[in-house]
């Protein structure tokens, strides 16, 4: 599987994947926005170079706001799946964005990282990245301003408040 993440000024503006389960049609199906029959008919109507989402809207199977939300969900699924990868390779290629992408998004990269990290279920990965339970984590200068720019999930906010740099004894079993 190959994934491509496009950034502009530090923000995620698009992502694509060769994983068939991350195609826009599959995402729209999971969201309940279209049916299998509608996707099949749209694929038959599509001409080379025409995007499925455009055909679905033109055929009246989908409204433009649902297409936009579907593309956002597709990009999120592509991005968040990367947090589950045990290994892989990456390459950074600076340059212009591909011009064939009609929809460009403005997704906060820190939000992607926070949300992606909160989805990691392998505690061994977390321990490897963060360190043992007795690791003391301190807030960096300017942390408050940075946090205010994030869409922090409710379950993460208490953890941020605990980052005081003072060791805490944790009781219980994990």
Protein backbone atom coordinates (compact mmCIF):
# COMPACT_ATOMS: atom_id res chain seq x y z
CA UNK A 1 0.00 0.00 0.00
CA UNK A 2 1.26 3.45 -0.85
CA UNK A 3 -0.10 6.61 0.72
CA UNK A 4 0.54 10.19 -0.25
CA UNK A 5 -0.01 13.11 2.12
CA UNK A 6 0.09 16.62 0.71
CA UNK A 7 1.01 19.59 2.90
CA UNK A 8 0.85 23.30 2.25
CA UNK A 9 2.24 25.74 4.82
CA UNK A 10 2.36 22.92 7.38
CA UNK A 11 -1.29 21.93 7.00
CA UNK A 12 -2.65 18.75 5.43
CA UNK A 13 -4.51 19.66 2.23
CA UNK A 14 -5.04 16.22 0.71
CA UNK A 15 -4.15 12.54 0.96
CA UNK A 16 -4.54 9.58 -1.33
CA UNK A 17 -3.94 5.87 -1.02
CA UNK A 18 -3.62 2.76 -3.17
CA UNK A 19 -5.64 0.79 -0.57
CA UNK A 20 -8.94 -0.15 -2.28
CA UNK A 21 -10.79 0.18 1.05
CA UNK A 22 -9.81 3.84 1.22
CA UNK A 23 -11.34 4.83 -2.13
CA UNK A 24 -13.91 7.60 -2.03
CA UNK A 25 -16.71 5.28 -3.13
CA UNK A 26 -15.96 2.88 -0.28
CA UNK A 27 -15.92 5.74 2.24
CA UNK A 28 -19.23 7.13 0.93
CA UNK A 29 -20.74 3.63 1.21
CA UNK A 30 -19.60 3.31 4.84
CA UNK A 31 -21.09 6.73 5.58
CA UNK A 32 -24.40 5.64 4.03
CA UNK A 33 -24.33 8.51 1.51
CA UNK A 34 -24.59 6.30 -1.60
CA UNK A 35 -25.54 2.74 -2.52
CA UNK A 36 -23.51 0.10 -4.34
CA UNK A 37 -25.83 0.43 -7.33
CA UNK A 38 -25.29 4.21 -7.48
CA UNK A 39 -21.51 3.74 -7.44
CA UNK A 40 -21.70 1.10 -10.18
CA UNK A 41 -23.89 3.36 -12.34
CA UNK A 42 -21.61 6.35 -11.73
CA UNK A 43 -18.54 4.31 -12.72
CA UNK A 44 -20.29 3.34 -15.97
CA UNK A 45 -21.13 7.01 -16.69
CA UNK A 46 -17.65 8.30 -15.90
CA UNK A 47 -15.35 9.30 -18.74
CA UNK A 48 -11.57 8.92 -18.45
CA UNK A 49 -10.09 11.54 -16.13
CA UNK A 50 -13.43 12.30 -14.46
CA UNK A 51 -13.61 11.83 -10.70
CA UNK A 52 -16.21 9.54 -9.14
CA UNK A 53 -17.41 12.24 -6.74
CA UNK A 54 -18.12 14.60 -9.64
CA UNK A 55 -20.15 11.94 -11.45
CA UNK A 56 -22.11 11.08 -8.30
CA UNK A 57 -23.05 14.75 -7.82
CA UNK A 58 -23.89 15.27 -11.51
CA UNK A 59 -26.10 12.16 -11.49
CA UNK A 60 -27.97 13.46 -8.44
CA UNK A 61 -26.87 10.58 -6.21
CA UNK A 62 -24.94 12.86 -3.89
CA UNK A 63 -25.06 16.53 -2.91
CA UNK A 64 -21.91 18.65 -2.93
CA UNK A 65 -21.71 19.11 0.90
CA UNK A 66 -21.87 15.30 1.34
CA UNK A 67 -19.10 14.91 -1.24
CA UNK A 68 -16.94 17.40 0.66
CA UNK A 69 -17.58 15.61 3.98
CA UNK A 70 -16.83 12.29 2.27
CA UNK A 71 -13.49 13.59 0.99
CA UNK A 72 -12.62 14.88 4.48
CA UNK A 73 -13.47 11.46 5.97
CA UNK A 74 -11.46 9.72 3.25
CA UNK A 75 -8.40 11.85 3.98
CA UNK A 76 -8.81 11.29 7.74
CA UNK A 77 -9.04 7.52 7.28
CA UNK A 78 -5.90 7.54 5.14
CA UNK A 79 -4.02 9.64 7.70
CA UNK A 80 -5.17 7.80 10.82
CA UNK A 81 -4.42 4.41 9.30
CA UNK A 82 -0.76 5.48 9.16
CA UNK A 83 -0.69 5.52 12.97
CA UNK A 84 -1.35 1.75 12.93
CA UNK A 85 1.58 0.94 10.66
CA UNK A 86 4.26 -1.11 12.43
CA UNK A 87 6.82 -0.33 9.75
CA UNK A 88 7.18 1.34 6.41
CA UNK A 89 9.22 3.81 4.46
CA UNK A 90 8.61 7.43 3.69
CA UNK A 91 9.97 10.00 1.32
CA UNK A 92 9.57 13.77 1.43
CA UNK A 93 9.31 15.49 -1.93
CA UNK A 94 9.05 19.28 -1.87
CA UNK A 95 7.27 20.87 -4.79
CA UNK A 96 3.96 22.09 -6.12
CA UNK A 97 0.72 20.37 -5.23
CA UNK A 98 -0.82 18.17 -7.91
CA UNK A 99 -3.18 20.32 -9.96
CA UNK A 100 -5.67 17.50 -10.57
CA UNK A 101 -7.02 17.77 -7.02
CA UNK A 102 -10.10 19.99 -7.16
CA UNK A 103 -10.85 19.70 -3.45
CA UNK A 104 -8.09 20.86 -1.15
CA UNK A 105 -8.64 20.74 2.57
CA UNK A 106 -7.20 22.71 5.46
CA UNK A 107 -6.61 20.13 8.18
CA UNK A 108 -4.59 21.05 11.25
CA UNK A 109 -1.49 18.86 11.37
CA UNK A 110 -1.25 19.03 15.20
CA UNK A 111 -4.90 17.93 15.37
CA UNK A 112 -4.12 14.97 13.11
CA UNK A 113 -1.22 13.98 15.36
CA UNK A 114 -3.24 14.28 18.59
CA UNK A 115 -6.21 12.39 17.18
CA UNK A 116 -4.01 9.77 15.54
CA UNK A 117 -2.09 9.18 18.74
CA UNK A 118 -5.31 8.81 20.72
CA UNK A 119 -6.36 6.00 18.35
CA UNK A 120 -3.24 3.88 18.98
CA UNK A 121 -4.37 0.80 20.87
CA UNK A 122 -1.02 -0.96 21.22
CA UNK A 123 0.25 -0.02 24.68
CA UNK A 124 3.70 -1.39 23.79
CA UNK A 125 4.01 1.27 21.07
CA UNK A 126 3.01 3.99 23.50
CA UNK A 127 5.51 2.80 26.10
CA UNK A 128 8.24 2.63 23.44
CA UNK A 129 7.52 6.19 22.33
CA UNK A 130 6.80 7.81 25.69
CA UNK A 131 8.92 5.72 27.99
CA UNK A 132 8.17 3.93 31.26
CA UNK A 133 5.33 4.98 33.54
CA UNK A 134 7.70 6.87 35.83
CA UNK A 135 8.85 9.16 32.99
CA UNK A 136 8.47 12.81 33.96
CA UNK A 137 7.07 14.89 31.11
CA UNK A 138 7.29 18.67 31.25
CA UNK A 139 5.33 21.23 29.32
CA UNK A 140 7.36 23.25 26.83
CA UNK A 141 7.43 27.03 26.91
CA UNK A 142 4.43 28.39 25.01
CA UNK A 143 2.48 25.15 25.44
CA UNK A 144 -0.70 26.97 26.45
CA UNK A 145 -0.90 28.93 23.18
CA UNK A 146 -0.21 25.80 21.14
CA UNK A 147 -2.91 23.80 22.95
CA UNK A 148 -5.52 26.50 22.36
CA UNK A 149 -5.12 25.96 18.60
CA UNK A 150 -5.96 22.25 18.87
CA UNK A 151 -9.29 20.43 18.80
CA UNK A 152 -8.45 18.25 21.77
CA UNK A 153 -10.65 15.23 22.49
CA UNK A 154 -12.24 15.34 25.95
CA UNK A 155 -10.29 12.27 27.11
CA UNK A 156 -6.96 13.94 26.27
CA UNK A 157 -7.53 17.24 28.14
CA UNK A 158 -6.99 15.77 31.65
CA UNK A 159 -3.72 14.20 30.46
CA UNK A 160 -2.44 17.58 29.28
CA UNK A 161 -3.24 19.10 32.65
CA UNK A 162 -1.15 16.39 34.35
CA UNK A 163 1.99 17.40 32.42
CA UNK A 164 3.35 19.52 35.22
CA UNK A 165 6.83 18.04 35.38
CA UNK A 166 6.22 16.82 38.93
CA UNK A 167 6.53 13.03 39.35
CA UNK A 168 3.25 11.40 40.30
CA UNK A 169 2.84 8.00 41.90
CA UNK A 170 0.32 5.92 39.96
CA UNK A 171 -1.52 3.19 41.81
CA UNK A 172 -3.33 0.33 40.16
CA UNK A 173 -2.77 -2.22 37.46
CA UNK A 174 -2.67 -1.69 33.73
